[in-house]
Amino acid sequence: MNEVLPAIGISAAILLPVVVFIVIISMAAVKRGEAAQHPSGPSTPSSHDVPDSAHHVEQIATPPAKPAKAAVAAADEVNVGLILILGAGLFTLMMVLFLAVSFIEHLI
């Protein structure tokens, strides 16, 4: 047991900066995506602010199309919660497996 706590501390010391780095990169990617959606900046009006009575909108407007049949079944949609649960479950399973291998090695 004396070896387990320092090993956990070393693992945490390695993983914590990695997690912080991933969070910072994710935040930068999201902000970059937001900037790509609104290249002119938040102070200028976007194309969604144009009223429907505008001349060029009336010329382009077409009657609404018939709703298309769903090509993908609802069961095929990606569920983020399920992915997170499966990932946490696999992580826990691997940690238990590593712990069992460690115990077996100490017994031999």
Foldseek 3Di string as FASTA:
>chain_A
DVVVVVVVVVVCVVVVVVVVVVVVVVVVVVVVVVCVVPVVDPVDDDPVPDDCPDPVNVVPDDPDDDDDDDPDDPVPDDDPVVVVVVVVVVVVVVVVVVVVVVVVVVVD
